[in-house]
């Protein structure tokens, strides 16, 4: 990362323009922008930051929602064998850690 003036640096190079971040995709510089009003809100009222990359808007953080949009709770699966047999939507945490702990 830097303030590269090289018009064709290595792909994956990121630079700060003074007002925005840009990434070089191997062909051209692509703008990464965020705005204060770029927040998504889920059914649990969790707010999520987004980032615009080129013309696409991406979530900048993982979902924290615990219910589907109809209010039905999302089942939590923590057993690896259960995951192998799960055929319906479900959720878990990284390494089956608890939400809000250092393990999640």
PDB file of N, CA and C in Angstrom:
ATOM      1  N   UNK A   1       0.846  -1.168   0.000  1.00  0.00           N
ATOM      2  CA  UNK A   1       0.000   0.000   0.000  1.00  0.00           C
ATOM      3  C   UNK A   1       0.890   1.229   0.000  1.00  0.00           C
ATOM      4  N   UNK A   2       0.480   2.221  -0.708  1.00  0.00           N
ATOM      5  CA  UNK A   2       1.251   3.447  -0.752  1.00  0.00           C
ATOM      6  C   UNK A   2       0.589   4.460  -1.645  1.00  0.00           C
ATOM      7  N   UNK A   3       1.308   5.505  -1.922  1.00  0.00           N
ATOM      8  CA  UNK A   3       0.809   6.552  -2.796  1.00  0.00           C
ATOM      9  C   UNK A   3       1.485   6.419  -4.154  1.00  0.00           C
ATOM     10  N   UNK A   4       1.316   5.280  -4.777  1.00  0.00           N
ATOM     11  CA  UNK A   4       2.007   4.949  -6.017  1.00  0.00           C
ATOM     12  C   UNK A   4       1.612   5.886  -7.151  1.00  0.00           C
ATOM     13  N   UNK A   5       2.629   6.417  -7.815  1.00  0.00           N
ATOM     14  CA  UNK A   5       2.400   7.206  -9.025  1.00  0.00           C
ATOM     15  C   UNK A   5       2.587   6.359 -10.273  1.00  0.00           C
ATOM     16  N   UNK A   6       3.012   5.110 -10.088  1.00  0.00           N
ATOM     17  CA  UNK A   6       3.221   4.190 -11.204  1.00  0.00           C
ATOM     18  C   UNK A   6       1.871   3.906 -11.854  1.00  0.00           C
ATOM     19  N   UNK A   7       1.685   4.199 -13.146  1.00  0.00           N
ATOM     20  CA  UNK A   7       0.390   3.979 -13.787  1.00  0.00           C
ATOM     21  C   UNK A   7       0.036   2.503 -13.966  1.00  0.00           C
ATOM     22  N   UNK A   8       1.029   1.611 -13.947  1.00  0.00           N
ATOM     23  CA  UNK A   8       0.756   0.182 -14.108  1.00  0.00           C
ATOM     24  C   UNK A   8       1.570  -0.637 -13.102  1.00  0.00           C
ATOM     25  N   UNK A   9       1.243  -0.544 -11.822  1.00  0.00           N
ATOM     26  CA  UNK A   9       1.957  -1.324 -10.814  1.00  0.00           C
ATOM     27  C   UNK A   9       1.503  -2.781 -10.834  1.00  0.00           C
ATOM     28  N   UNK A  10       2.030  -3.567  -9.920  1.00  0.00           N
ATOM     29  CA  UNK A  10       1.632  -4.970  -9.791  1.00  0.00           C
ATOM     30  C   UNK A  10       0.144  -5.055  -9.432  1.00  0.00           C
ATOM     31  N   UNK A  11      -0.573  -6.012 -10.023  1.00  0.00           N
ATOM     32  CA  UNK A  11      -1.994  -6.213  -9.700  1.00  0.00           C
ATOM     33  C   UNK A  11      -2.141  -6.454  -8.204  1.00  0.00           C
ATOM     34  N   UNK A  12      -3.157  -5.853  -7.605  1.00  0.00           N
ATOM     35  CA  UNK A  12      -3.392  -5.987  -6.173  1.00  0.00           C
ATOM     36  C   UNK A  12      -2.841  -4.829  -5.369  1.00  0.00           C
ATOM     37  N   UNK A  13      -2.109  -3.913  -6.027  1.00  0.00           N
ATOM     38  CA  UNK A  13      -1.568  -2.741  -5.340  1.00  0.00           C
ATOM     39  C   UNK A  13      -2.711  -1.829  -4.917  1.00  0.00           C
ATOM     40  N   UNK A  14      -2.642  -1.336  -3.693  1.00  0.00           N
ATOM     41  CA  UNK A  14      -3.652  -0.410  -3.175  1.00  0.00           C
ATOM     42  C   UNK A  14      -2.965   0.914  -2.876  1.00  0.00           C
ATOM     43  N   UNK A  15      -3.639   2.022  -3.195  1.00  0.00           N
ATOM     44  CA  UNK A  15      -3.067   3.336  -2.903  1.00  0.00           C
ATOM     45  C   UNK A  15      -4.147   4.261  -2.348  1.00  0.00           C
ATOM     46  N   UNK A  16      -3.683   5.289  -1.646  1.00  0.00           N
ATOM     47  CA  UNK A  16      -4.558   6.336  -1.106  1.00  0.00           C
ATOM     48  C   UNK A  16      -4.399   7.557  -1.994  1.00  0.00           C
ATOM     49  N   UNK A  17      -5.511   8.123  -2.450  1.00  0.00           N
ATOM     50  CA  UNK A  17      -5.452   9.272  -3.354  1.00  0.00           C
ATOM     51  C   UNK A  17      -5.542  10.601  -2.620  1.00  0.00           C
ATOM     52  N   UNK A  18      -5.765  10.554  -1.327  1.00  0.00           N
ATOM     53  CA  UNK A  18      -5.994  11.770  -0.553  1.00  0.00           C
ATOM     54  C   UNK A  18      -7.448  11.904  -0.173  1.00  0.00           C
ATOM     55  N   UNK A  19      -8.327  11.266  -0.955  1.00  0.00           N
ATOM     56  CA  UNK A  19      -9.759  11.276  -0.651  1.00  0.00           C
ATOM     57  C   UNK A  19     -10.379   9.892  -0.730  1.00  0.00           C
ATOM     58  N   UNK A  20      -9.644   8.928  -1.264  1.00  0.00           N
ATOM     59  CA  UNK A  20     -10.224   7.623  -1.554  1.00  0.00           C
ATOM     60  C   UNK A  20      -9.106   6.586  -1.670  1.00  0.00           C
ATOM     61  N   UNK A  21      -9.447   5.321  -1.461  1.00  0.00           N
ATOM     62  CA  UNK A  21      -8.523   4.234  -1.742  1.00  0.00           C
ATOM     63  C   UNK A  21      -8.788   3.735  -3.150  1.00  0.00           C
ATOM     64  N   UNK A  22      -7.725   3.317  -3.834  1.00  0.00           N
ATOM     65  CA  UNK A  22      -7.844   2.713  -5.152  1.00  0.00           C
ATOM     66  C   UNK A  22      -7.038   1.432  -5.180  1.00  0.00           C
ATOM     67  N   UNK A  23      -7.517   0.454  -5.933  1.00  0.00           N
ATOM     68  CA  UNK A  23      -6.796  -0.798  -6.112  1.00  0.00           C
ATOM     69  C   UNK A  23      -6.529  -1.022  -7.586  1.00  0.00           C
ATOM     70  N   UNK A  24      -5.344  -1.541  -7.904  1.00  0.00           N
ATOM     71  CA  UNK A  24      -5.001  -1.810  -9.299  1.00  0.00           C
ATOM     72  C   UNK A  24      -5.336  -3.259  -9.611  1.00  0.00           C
ATOM     73  N   UNK A  25      -6.200  -3.484 -10.594  1.00  0.00           N
ATOM     74  CA  UNK A  25      -6.668  -4.833 -10.916  1.00  0.00           C
ATOM     75  C   UNK A  25      -5.836  -5.522 -11.999  1.00  0.00           C
ATOM     76  N   UNK A  26      -4.729  -4.919 -12.372  1.00  0.00           N
ATOM     77  CA  UNK A  26      -3.889  -5.470 -13.432  1.00  0.00           C
ATOM     78  C   UNK A  26      -4.072  -4.741 -14.744  1.00  0.00           C
ATOM     79  N   UNK A  27      -5.176  -4.001 -14.865  1.00  0.00           N
ATOM     80  CA  UNK A  27      -5.459  -3.234 -16.069  1.00  0.00           C
ATOM     81  C   UNK A  27      -5.663  -1.757 -15.758  1.00  0.00           C
ATOM     82  N   UNK A  28      -6.425  -1.485 -14.699  1.00  0.00           N
ATOM     83  CA  UNK A  28      -6.736  -0.097 -14.363  1.00  0.00           C
ATOM     84  C   UNK A  28      -6.926   0.057 -12.855  1.00  0.00           C
ATOM     85  N   UNK A  29      -6.933   1.301 -12.401  1.00  0.00           N
ATOM     86  CA  UNK A  29      -7.192   1.605 -10.994  1.00  0.00           C
ATOM     87  C   UNK A  29      -8.697   1.589 -10.755  1.00  0.00           C
ATOM     88  N   UNK A  30      -9.132   0.936  -9.668  1.00  0.00           N
ATOM     89  CA  UNK A  30     -10.543   0.837  -9.304  1.00  0.00           C
ATOM     90  C   UNK A  30     -10.718   1.525  -7.963  1.00  0.00           C
ATOM     91  N   UNK A  31     -11.734   2.376  -7.860  1.00  0.00           N
ATOM     92  CA  UNK A  31     -11.975   3.146  -6.642  1.00  0.00           C
ATOM     93  C   UNK A  31     -12.698   2.317  -5.584  1.00  0.00           C
ATOM     94  N   UNK A  32     -12.255   2.433  -4.319  1.00  0.00           N
ATOM     95  CA  UNK A  32     -12.946   1.844  -3.167  1.00  0.00           C
ATOM     96  C   UNK A  32     -13.497   3.011  -2.368  1.00  0.00           C
ATOM     97  N   UNK A  33     -14.805   3.173  -2.330  1.00  0.00           N
ATOM     98  CA  UNK A  33     -15.370   4.301  -1.593  1.00  0.00           C
ATOM     99  C   UNK A  33     -16.385   3.827  -0.572  1.00  0.00           C
ATOM    100  N   UNK A  34     -16.474   4.561   0.511  1.00  0.00           N
ATOM    101  CA  UNK A  34     -17.524   4.331   1.499  1.00  0.00           C
ATOM    102  C   UNK A  34     -18.159   5.668   1.817  1.00  0.00           C
ATOM    103  N   UNK A  35     -19.398   5.633   2.252  1.00  0.00           N
ATOM    104  CA  UNK A  35     -20.075   6.843   2.686  1.00  0.00           C
ATOM    105  C   UNK A  35     -20.754   6.561   4.004  1.00  0.00           C
ATOM    106  N   UNK A  36     -21.060   7.605   4.755  1.00  0.00           N
ATOM    107  CA  UNK A  36     -21.677   7.403   6.058  1.00  0.00           C
ATOM    108  C   UNK A  36     -23.085   6.843   5.946  1.00  0.00           C
ATOM    109  N   UNK A  37     -23.750   7.049   4.820  1.00  0.00           N
ATOM    110  CA  UNK A  37     -25.110   6.541   4.675  1.00  0.00           C
ATOM    111  C   UNK A  37     -25.149   5.190   3.970  1.00  0.00           C
ATOM    112  N   UNK A  38     -24.005   4.505   3.915  1.00  0.00           N
ATOM    113  CA  UNK A  38     -23.926   3.236   3.194  1.00  0.00           C
ATOM    114  C   UNK A  38     -24.146   2.046   4.118  1.00  0.00           C
ATOM    115  N   UNK A  39     -25.077   2.150   5.050  1.00  0.00           N
ATOM    116  CA  UNK A  39     -25.284   1.078   6.012  1.00  0.00           C
ATOM    117  C   UNK A  39     -26.526   0.271   5.657  1.00  0.00           C
ATOM    118  N   UNK A  40     -26.373  -1.026   5.744  1.00  0.00           N
ATOM    119  CA  UNK A  40     -27.498  -1.937   5.596  1.00  0.00           C
ATOM    120  C   UNK A  40     -27.995  -2.276   6.990  1.00  0.00           C
ATOM    121  N   UNK A  41     -29.272  -2.572   7.121  1.00  0.00           N
ATOM    122  CA  UNK A  41     -29.849  -2.947   8.409  1.00  0.00           C
ATOM    123  C   UNK A  41     -30.620  -4.242   8.217  1.00  0.00           C
ATOM    124  N   UNK A  42     -30.406  -5.232   9.117  1.00  0.00           N
ATOM    125  CA  UNK A  42     -31.122  -6.502   9.016  1.00  0.00           C
ATOM    126  C   UNK A  42     -32.330  -6.519   9.955  1.00  0.00           C
ATOM    127  N   UNK A  43     -33.051  -7.632   9.972  1.00  0.00           N
ATOM    128  CA  UNK A  43     -34.268  -7.764  10.767  1.00  0.00           C
ATOM    129  C   UNK A  43     -34.000  -7.645  12.270  1.00  0.00           C
ATOM    130  N   UNK A  44     -32.765  -7.938  12.712  1.00  0.00           N
ATOM    131  CA  UNK A  44     -32.389  -7.806  14.125  1.00  0.00           C
ATOM    132  C   UNK A  44     -31.892  -6.401  14.451  1.00  0.00           C
ATOM    133  N   UNK A  45     -31.978  -5.491  13.487  1.00  0.00           N
ATOM    134  CA  UNK A  45     -31.534  -4.106  13.609  1.00  0.00           C
ATOM    135  C   UNK A  45     -30.011  -3.971  13.702  1.00  0.00           C
ATOM    136  N   UNK A  46     -29.283  -4.988  13.251  1.00  0.00           N
ATOM    137  CA  UNK A  46     -27.828  -4.868  13.130  1.00  0.00           C
ATOM    138  C   UNK A  46     -27.535  -3.995  11.921  1.00  0.00           C
ATOM    139  N   UNK A  47     -26.570  -3.119  12.060  1.00  0.00           N
ATOM    140  CA  UNK A  47     -26.194  -2.232  10.962  1.00  0.00           C
ATOM    141  C   UNK A  47     -24.853  -2.684  10.401  1.00  0.00           C
ATOM    142  N   UNK A  48     -24.736  -2.661   9.078  1.00  0.00           N
ATOM    143  CA  UNK A  48     -23.547  -3.142   8.390  1.00  0.00           C
ATOM    144  C   UNK A  48     -22.988  -2.062   7.478  1.00  0.00           C
ATOM    145  N   UNK A  49     -21.678  -1.901   7.533  1.00  0.00           N
ATOM    146  CA  UNK A  49     -21.001  -0.987   6.613  1.00  0.00           C
ATOM    147  C   UNK A  49     -20.886  -1.657   5.245  1.00  0.00           C
ATOM    148  N   UNK A  50     -20.882  -0.850   4.212  1.00  0.00           N
ATOM    149  CA  UNK A  50     -20.675  -1.347   2.855  1.00  0.00           C
ATOM    150  C   UNK A  50     -19.508  -0.590   2.238  1.00  0.00           C
ATOM    151  N   UNK A  51     -18.999  -1.127   1.166  1.00  0.00           N
ATOM    152  CA  UNK A  51     -17.943  -0.468   0.405  1.00  0.00           C
ATOM    153  C   UNK A  51     -18.296  -0.593  -1.074  1.00  0.00           C
ATOM    154  N   UNK A  52     -18.068   0.472  -1.809  1.00  0.00           N
ATOM    155  CA  UNK A  52     -18.293   0.457  -3.247  1.00  0.00           C
ATOM    156  C   UNK A  52     -16.966   0.188  -3.933  1.00  0.00           C
ATOM    157  N   UNK A  53     -16.939  -0.849  -4.751  1.00  0.00           N
ATOM    158  CA  UNK A  53     -15.754  -1.198  -5.522  1.00  0.00           C
ATOM    159  C   UNK A  53     -16.156  -1.100  -6.984  1.00  0.00           C
ATOM    160  N   UNK A  54     -15.639  -0.087  -7.645  1.00  0.00           N
ATOM    161  CA  UNK A  54     -16.076   0.170  -9.008  1.00  0.00           C
ATOM    162  C   UNK A  54     -17.547   0.555  -8.986  1.00  0.00           C
ATOM    163  N   UNK A  55     -18.390  -0.228  -9.646  1.00  0.00           N
ATOM    164  CA  UNK A  55     -19.829   0.046  -9.671  1.00  0.00           C
ATOM    165  C   UNK A  55     -20.617  -0.897  -8.777  1.00  0.00           C
ATOM    166  N   UNK A  56     -19.926  -1.769  -8.043  1.00  0.00           N
ATOM    167  CA  UNK A  56     -20.603  -2.748  -7.189  1.00  0.00           C
ATOM    168  C   UNK A  56     -20.539  -2.337  -5.729  1.00  0.00           C
ATOM    169  N   UNK A  57     -21.603  -2.632  -4.968  1.00  0.00           N
ATOM    170  CA  UNK A  57     -21.638  -2.362  -3.534  1.00  0.00           C
ATOM    171  C   UNK A  57     -21.523  -3.688  -2.809  1.00  0.00           C
ATOM    172  N   UNK A  58     -20.543  -3.794  -1.891  1.00  0.00           N
ATOM    173  CA  UNK A  58     -20.263  -5.020  -1.146  1.00  0.00           C
ATOM    174  C   UNK A  58     -20.421  -4.758   0.342  1.00  0.00           C
ATOM    175  N   UNK A  59     -20.800  -5.797   1.079  1.00  0.00           N
ATOM    176  CA  UNK A  59     -20.805  -5.690   2.535  1.00  0.00           C
ATOM    177  C   UNK A  59     -19.360  -5.701   3.015  1.00  0.00           C
ATOM    178  N   UNK A  60     -19.041  -4.845   3.988  1.00  0.00           N
ATOM    179  CA  UNK A  60     -17.681  -4.736   4.506  1.00  0.00           C
ATOM    180  C   UNK A  60     -17.505  -5.527   5.794  1.00  0.00           C
ATOM    181  N   UNK A  61     -18.534  -6.243   6.217  1.00  0.00           N
ATOM    182  CA  UNK A  61     -18.450  -7.050   7.437  1.00  0.00           C
ATOM    183  C   UNK A  61     -19.400  -8.236   7.334  1.00  0.00           C
ATOM    184  N   UNK A  62     -19.205  -9.210   8.199  1.00  0.00           N
ATOM    185  CA  UNK A  62     -20.016 -10.427   8.180  1.00  0.00           C
ATOM    186  C   UNK A  62     -21.396 -10.188   8.780  1.00  0.00           C
ATOM    187  N   UNK A  63     -22.356 -10.999   8.344  1.00  0.00           N
ATOM    188  CA  UNK A  63     -23.702 -10.930   8.902  1.00  0.00           C
ATOM    189  C   UNK A  63     -23.708 -11.325  10.372  1.00  0.00           C
ATOM    190  N   UNK A  64     -24.537 -10.628  11.157  1.00  0.00           N
ATOM    191  CA  UNK A  64     -24.725 -10.961  12.566  1.00  0.00           C
ATOM    192  C   UNK A  64     -26.188 -11.301  12.855  1.00  0.00           C
ATOM    193  N   UNK A  65     -26.990 -11.383  11.829  1.00  0.00           N
ATOM    194  CA  UNK A  65     -28.421 -11.631  11.982  1.00  0.00           C
ATOM    195  C   UNK A  65     -28.670 -13.018  12.576  1.00  0.00           C
ATOM    196  N   UNK A  66     -29.732 -13.155  13.373  1.00  0.00           N
ATOM    197  CA  UNK A  66     -30.082 -14.438  13.996  1.00  0.00           C
ATOM    198  C   UNK A  66     -31.445 -14.945  13.555  1.00  0.00           C
ATOM    199  N   UNK A  67     -32.125 -14.169  12.711  1.00  0.00           N
ATOM    200  CA  UNK A  67     -33.453 -14.558  12.231  1.00  0.00           C
ATOM    201  C   UNK A  67     -33.535 -14.341  10.727  1.00  0.00           C
ATOM    202  N   UNK A  68     -34.390 -15.142  10.086  1.00  0.00           N
ATOM    203  CA  UNK A  68     -34.698 -14.917   8.679  1.00  0.00           C
ATOM    204  C   UNK A  68     -35.588 -13.685   8.573  1.00  0.00           C
ATOM    205  N   UNK A  69     -35.793 -13.172   7.352  1.00  0.00           N
ATOM    206  CA  UNK A  69     -36.593 -11.958   7.200  1.00  0.00           C
ATOM    207  C   UNK A  69     -38.056 -12.137   7.589  1.00  0.00           C
ATOM    208  N   UNK A  70     -38.522 -13.376   7.757  1.00  0.00           N
ATOM    209  CA  UNK A  70     -39.893 -13.604   8.231  1.00  0.00           C
ATOM    210  C   UNK A  70     -39.951 -13.731   9.755  1.00  0.00           C
ATOM    211  N   UNK A  71     -38.796 -13.570  10.446  1.00  0.00           N
ATOM    212  CA  UNK A  71     -38.751 -13.643  11.899  1.00  0.00           C
ATOM    213  C   UNK A  71     -38.396 -15.006  12.459  1.00  0.00           C
ATOM    214  N   UNK A  72     -38.373 -16.040  11.627  1.00  0.00           N
ATOM    215  CA  UNK A  72     -38.028 -17.392  12.076  1.00  0.00           C
ATOM    216  C   UNK A  72     -36.560 -17.436  12.495  1.00  0.00           C
ATOM    217  N   UNK A  73     -36.240 -17.982  13.685  1.00  0.00           N
ATOM    218  CA  UNK A  73     -34.839 -18.068  14.109  1.00  0.00           C
ATOM    219  C   UNK A  73     -34.012 -18.938  13.155  1.00  0.00           C
ATOM    220  N   UNK A  74     -32.770 -18.535  12.926  1.00  0.00           N
ATOM    221  CA  UNK A  74     -31.843 -19.331  12.123  1.00  0.00           C
ATOM    222  C   UNK A  74     -31.230 -20.379  13.043  1.00  0.00           C
ATOM    223  N   UNK A  75     -31.387 -21.668  12.739  1.00  0.00           N
ATOM    224  CA  UNK A  75     -30.828 -22.712  13.602  1.00  0.00           C
ATOM    225  C   UNK A  75     -29.303 -22.613  13.693  1.00  0.00           C
ATOM    226  N   UNK A  76     -28.769 -22.908  14.880  1.00  0.00           N
ATOM    227  CA  UNK A  76     -27.326 -22.914  15.105  1.00  0.00           C
ATOM    228  C   UNK A  76     -26.857 -24.360  15.100  1.00  0.00           C
ATOM    229  N   UNK A  77     -25.889 -24.666  14.239  1.00  0.00           N
ATOM    230  CA  UNK A  77     -25.318 -26.009  14.155  1.00  0.00           C
ATOM    231  C   UNK A  77     -23.854 -25.905  14.568  1.00  0.00           C
ATOM    232  N   UNK A  78     -23.450 -26.665  15.592  1.00  0.00           N
ATOM    233  CA  UNK A  78     -22.063 -26.599  16.064  1.00  0.00           C
ATOM    234  C   UNK A  78     -21.314 -27.911  15.898  1.00  0.00           C
ATOM    235  N   UNK A  79     -22.012 -28.976  15.563  1.00  0.00           N
ATOM    236  CA  UNK A  79     -21.375 -30.280  15.412  1.00  0.00           C
ATOM    237  C   UNK A  79     -21.017 -30.515  13.943  1.00  0.00           C
ATOM    238  N   UNK A  80     -19.768 -30.900  13.684  1.00  0.00           N
ATOM    239  CA  UNK A  80     -19.326 -31.116  12.302  1.00  0.00           C
ATOM    240  C   UNK A  80     -20.150 -32.171  11.581  1.00  0.00           C
ATOM    241  N   UNK A  81     -20.509 -33.245  12.269  1.00  0.00           N
ATOM    242  CA  UNK A  81     -21.314 -34.299  11.645  1.00  0.00           C
ATOM    243  C   UNK A  81     -22.689 -33.757  11.263  1.00  0.00           C
ATOM    244  N   UNK A  82     -23.255 -32.905  12.124  1.00  0.00           N
ATOM    245  CA  UNK A  82     -24.549 -32.301  11.803  1.00  0.00           C
ATOM    246  C   UNK A  82     -24.447 -31.427  10.554  1.00  0.00           C
ATOM    247  N   UNK A  83     -23.319 -30.708  10.403  1.00  0.00           N
ATOM    248  CA  UNK A  83     -23.140 -29.881   9.214  1.00  0.00           C
ATOM    249  C   UNK A  83     -23.139 -30.727   7.951  1.00  0.00           C
ATOM    250  N   UNK A  84     -22.532 -31.892   8.008  1.00  0.00           N
ATOM    251  CA  UNK A  84     -22.493 -32.765   6.837  1.00  0.00           C
ATOM    252  C   UNK A  84     -23.885 -33.202   6.406  1.00  0.00           C
ATOM    253  N   UNK A  85     -24.796 -33.312   7.362  1.00  0.00           N
ATOM    254  CA  UNK A  85     -26.147 -33.793   7.073  1.00  0.00           C
ATOM    255  C   UNK A  85     -27.181 -32.681   6.971  1.00  0.00           C
ATOM    256  N   UNK A  86     -26.780 -31.439   7.184  1.00  0.00           N
ATOM    257  CA  UNK A  86     -27.727 -30.326   7.145  1.00  0.00           C
ATOM    258  C   UNK A  86     -28.136 -30.034   5.704  1.00  0.00           C
ATOM    259  N   UNK A  87     -29.436 -30.009   5.471  1.00  0.00           N
ATOM    260  CA  UNK A  87     -29.951 -29.705   4.132  1.00  0.00           C
ATOM    261  C   UNK A  87     -30.806 -28.446   4.137  1.00  0.00           C
ATOM    262  N   UNK A  88     -30.914 -27.795   5.288  1.00  0.00           N
ATOM    263  CA  UNK A  88     -31.700 -26.572   5.410  1.00  0.00           C
ATOM    264  C   UNK A  88     -30.775 -25.443   5.866  1.00  0.00           C
ATOM    265  N   UNK A  89     -31.202 -24.201   5.720  1.00  0.00           N
ATOM    266  CA  UNK A  89     -30.359 -23.085   6.167  1.00  0.00           C
ATOM    267  C   UNK A  89     -30.027 -23.200   7.653  1.00  0.00           C
ATOM    268  N   UNK A  90     -28.811 -22.813   8.010  1.00  0.00           N
ATOM    269  CA  UNK A  90     -28.349 -22.836   9.398  1.00  0.00           C
ATOM    270  C   UNK A  90     -27.163 -21.894   9.512  1.00  0.00           C
ATOM    271  N   UNK A  91     -26.688 -21.692  10.744  1.00  0.00           N
ATOM    272  CA  UNK A  91     -25.512 -20.852  10.943  1.00  0.00           C
ATOM    273  C   UNK A  91     -24.609 -21.458  12.004  1.00  0.00           C
ATOM    274  N   UNK A  92     -23.374 -20.996  12.013  1.00  0.00           N
ATOM    275  CA  UNK A  92     -22.410 -21.351  13.055  1.00  0.00           C
ATOM    276  C   UNK A  92     -21.406 -20.226  13.139  1.00  0.00           C
ATOM    277  N   UNK A  93     -20.385 -20.387  13.982  1.00  0.00           N
ATOM    278  CA  UNK A  93     -19.316 -19.412  14.120  1.00  0.00           C
ATOM    279  C   UNK A  93     -18.007 -20.070  13.774  1.00  0.00           C
ATOM    280  N   UNK A  94     -17.014 -19.265  13.495  1.00  0.00           N
ATOM    281  CA  UNK A  94     -15.681 -19.737  13.177  1.00  0.00           C
ATOM    282  C   UNK A  94     -15.209 -20.704  14.243  1.00  0.00           C
ATOM    283  N   UNK A  95     -14.803 -21.895  13.853  1.00  0.00           N
ATOM    284  CA  UNK A  95     -14.382 -22.960  14.762  1.00  0.00           C
ATOM    285  C   UNK A  95     -15.438 -23.251  15.833  1.00  0.00           C
ATOM    286  N   UNK A  96     -16.711 -23.020  15.507  1.00  0.00           N
ATOM    287  CA  UNK A  96     -17.828 -23.250  16.430  1.00  0.00           C
ATOM    288  C   UNK A  96     -17.689 -22.466  17.725  1.00  0.00           C
ATOM    289  N   UNK A  97     -17.033 -21.306  17.687  1.00  0.00           N
ATOM    290  CA  UNK A  97     -16.899 -20.449  18.868  1.00  0.00           C
ATOM    291  C   UNK A  97     -18.230 -19.825  19.240  1.00  0.00           C
ATOM    292  N   UNK A  98     -18.278 -19.221  20.384  1.00  0.00           N
ATOM    293  CA  UNK A  98     -19.491 -18.543  20.832  1.00  0.00           C
ATOM    294  C   UNK A  98     -19.515 -17.123  20.279  1.00  0.00           C
ATOM    295  N   UNK A  99     -20.700 -16.638  19.938  1.00  0.00           N
ATOM    296  CA  UNK A  99     -20.857 -15.291  19.420  1.00  0.00           C
ATOM    297  C   UNK A  99     -20.394 -14.287  20.469  1.00  0.00           C
ATOM    298  N   UNK A 100     -19.568 -13.343  20.065  1.00  0.00           N
ATOM    299  CA  UNK A 100     -19.126 -12.301  20.971  1.00  0.00           C
ATOM    300  C   UNK A 100     -17.927 -12.669  21.818  1.00  0.00           C
ATOM    301  N   UNK A 101     -17.333 -13.856  21.592  1.00  0.00           N
ATOM    302  CA  UNK A 101     -16.134 -14.235  22.336  1.00  0.00           C
ATOM    303  C   UNK A 101     -14.937 -14.139  21.413  1.00  0.00           C
ATOM    304  N   UNK A 102     -13.765 -14.310  21.964  1.00  0.00           N
ATOM    305  CA  UNK A 102     -12.553 -14.278  21.148  1.00  0.00           C
ATOM    306  C   UNK A 102     -12.483 -15.453  20.190  1.00  0.00           C
ATOM    307  N   UNK A 103     -13.297 -16.489  20.438  1.00  0.00           N
ATOM    308  CA  UNK A 103     -13.299 -17.674  19.580  1.00  0.00           C
ATOM    309  C   UNK A 103     -14.175 -17.501  18.353  1.00  0.00           C
ATOM    310  N   UNK A 104     -15.005 -16.465  18.325  1.00  0.00           N
ATOM    311  CA  UNK A 104     -15.945 -16.294  17.217  1.00  0.00           C
ATOM    312  C   UNK A 104     -15.371 -15.387  16.162  1.00  0.00           C
TER     313      UNK A 104
END
